[in-house]
Protein backbone atom coordinates (compact mmCIF):
# COMPACT_ATOMS: atom_id res chain seq x y z
CA MET A 1 -94.73 -169.02 -52.95
CA ALA A 2 -91.74 -170.31 -54.90
CA THR A 3 -90.87 -173.99 -54.96
CA GLY A 4 -87.52 -175.67 -55.44
CA PRO A 5 -84.08 -174.68 -54.20
CA ALA A 6 -83.26 -171.08 -53.38
CA PRO A 7 -81.27 -169.26 -56.10
CA THR A 8 -77.56 -168.72 -55.48
CA HIS A 9 -76.55 -165.05 -55.15
CA THR A 10 -73.20 -163.30 -55.39
CA THR A 11 -71.94 -159.80 -56.26
CA PRO A 12 -68.68 -158.38 -57.62
CA PRO A 13 -66.27 -156.96 -55.02
CA PRO A 14 -67.11 -153.37 -53.99
CA ARG A 15 -63.79 -152.01 -55.27
CA THR A 16 -64.84 -152.92 -58.83
CA PRO A 17 -66.40 -150.18 -60.94
CA ARG A 18 -70.04 -151.00 -61.58
CA ALA A 19 -69.57 -151.18 -65.32
CA GLY A 20 -71.70 -153.67 -67.20
CA ALA A 21 -68.71 -155.09 -69.07
CA ILE A 22 -66.85 -155.81 -65.82
CA GLU A 23 -69.86 -157.55 -64.29
CA ALA A 24 -70.38 -159.58 -67.47
CA ALA A 25 -66.69 -160.60 -67.36
CA TYR A 26 -67.11 -161.83 -63.76
CA THR A 27 -70.09 -163.88 -64.91
CA VAL A 28 -68.20 -165.38 -67.86
CA LEU A 29 -65.30 -166.30 -65.56
CA ALA A 30 -67.66 -167.89 -63.05
CA LEU A 31 -69.15 -170.06 -65.82
CA ARG A 32 -65.74 -170.89 -67.28
CA HIS A 33 -64.25 -171.93 -63.93
CA GLN A 34 -67.53 -173.36 -62.58
CA THR A 35 -67.04 -171.34 -59.39
CA VAL A 36 -69.21 -168.66 -57.79
CA PRO A 37 -67.26 -165.86 -56.05
CA PRO A 38 -68.39 -164.89 -52.53
CA VAL A 39 -70.33 -161.75 -51.61
CA ALA A 40 -67.90 -159.21 -50.13
CA ASN A 41 -68.37 -158.15 -46.49
CA PHE A 42 -71.39 -160.38 -45.89
CA LYS A 43 -71.94 -161.11 -42.19
CA ASP A 44 -75.44 -162.30 -41.26
CA GLN A 45 -78.45 -163.50 -43.23
CA ASP A 46 -82.02 -162.71 -42.23
CA ALA A 47 -83.53 -166.01 -41.06
CA ASP A 48 -86.87 -165.09 -42.69
CA HIS A 49 -85.40 -165.19 -46.21
CA GLU A 50 -84.40 -168.42 -47.94
CA ILE A 51 -81.70 -167.10 -50.26
CA ASP A 52 -78.55 -169.10 -50.89
CA ILE A 53 -75.85 -166.44 -50.45
CA VAL A 54 -72.26 -167.36 -51.28
CA ALA A 55 -70.27 -166.01 -48.33
CA GLY A 56 -66.73 -166.57 -47.10
CA ASP A 57 -65.15 -168.71 -49.81
CA PRO A 58 -65.87 -169.28 -53.50
CA ARG A 59 -68.25 -172.17 -54.16
CA PRO A 60 -67.89 -174.79 -56.89
CA ILE A 61 -70.98 -175.10 -59.10
CA ARG A 62 -72.28 -176.98 -62.10
CA ALA A 63 -73.96 -174.43 -64.32
CA ASP A 64 -74.32 -173.76 -68.03
CA THR A 65 -76.25 -170.45 -67.77
CA ALA A 66 -76.01 -167.31 -65.63
CA LEU A 67 -77.61 -163.85 -65.47
CA SER A 68 -75.63 -160.63 -65.28
CA PHE A 69 -77.60 -157.57 -64.10
CA SER A 70 -76.27 -154.03 -64.56
CA PHE A 71 -78.10 -150.94 -63.35
CA GLY A 72 -76.77 -147.47 -64.18
CA PHE A 73 -77.63 -143.87 -63.49
CA GLY A 74 -80.41 -142.39 -65.59
CA GLY A 75 -82.11 -145.71 -66.25
CA GLN A 76 -79.31 -147.29 -68.29
CA ASN A 77 -80.01 -150.88 -67.33
CA ALA A 78 -79.10 -154.19 -68.94
CA VAL A 79 -79.53 -157.89 -68.24
CA LEU A 80 -77.49 -160.54 -70.06
CA LEU A 81 -78.23 -164.26 -70.11
CA LEU A 82 -74.88 -165.96 -70.67
CA THR A 83 -74.36 -169.62 -71.55
CA ALA A 84 -71.29 -171.84 -71.46
CA PRO A 85 -70.13 -173.26 -74.80
């Protein structure tokens, strides 16, 4: 069982192409502006899962690192660990 605070989760808007460069750009902008964008179309969270989902409005954060996950067709996957300068 994990200890500590639940990780904060967000996703790019669904109208955005799922290109790795676009998702990385969202992550860079979130770090630069110290704001996490909300998950699009999120309504209800399962009470059995302790995940901090950003819903409704963007949330201010204090972070110097973030992960960007990109999963493509045919197993073309990438994960970037990005850090603020």
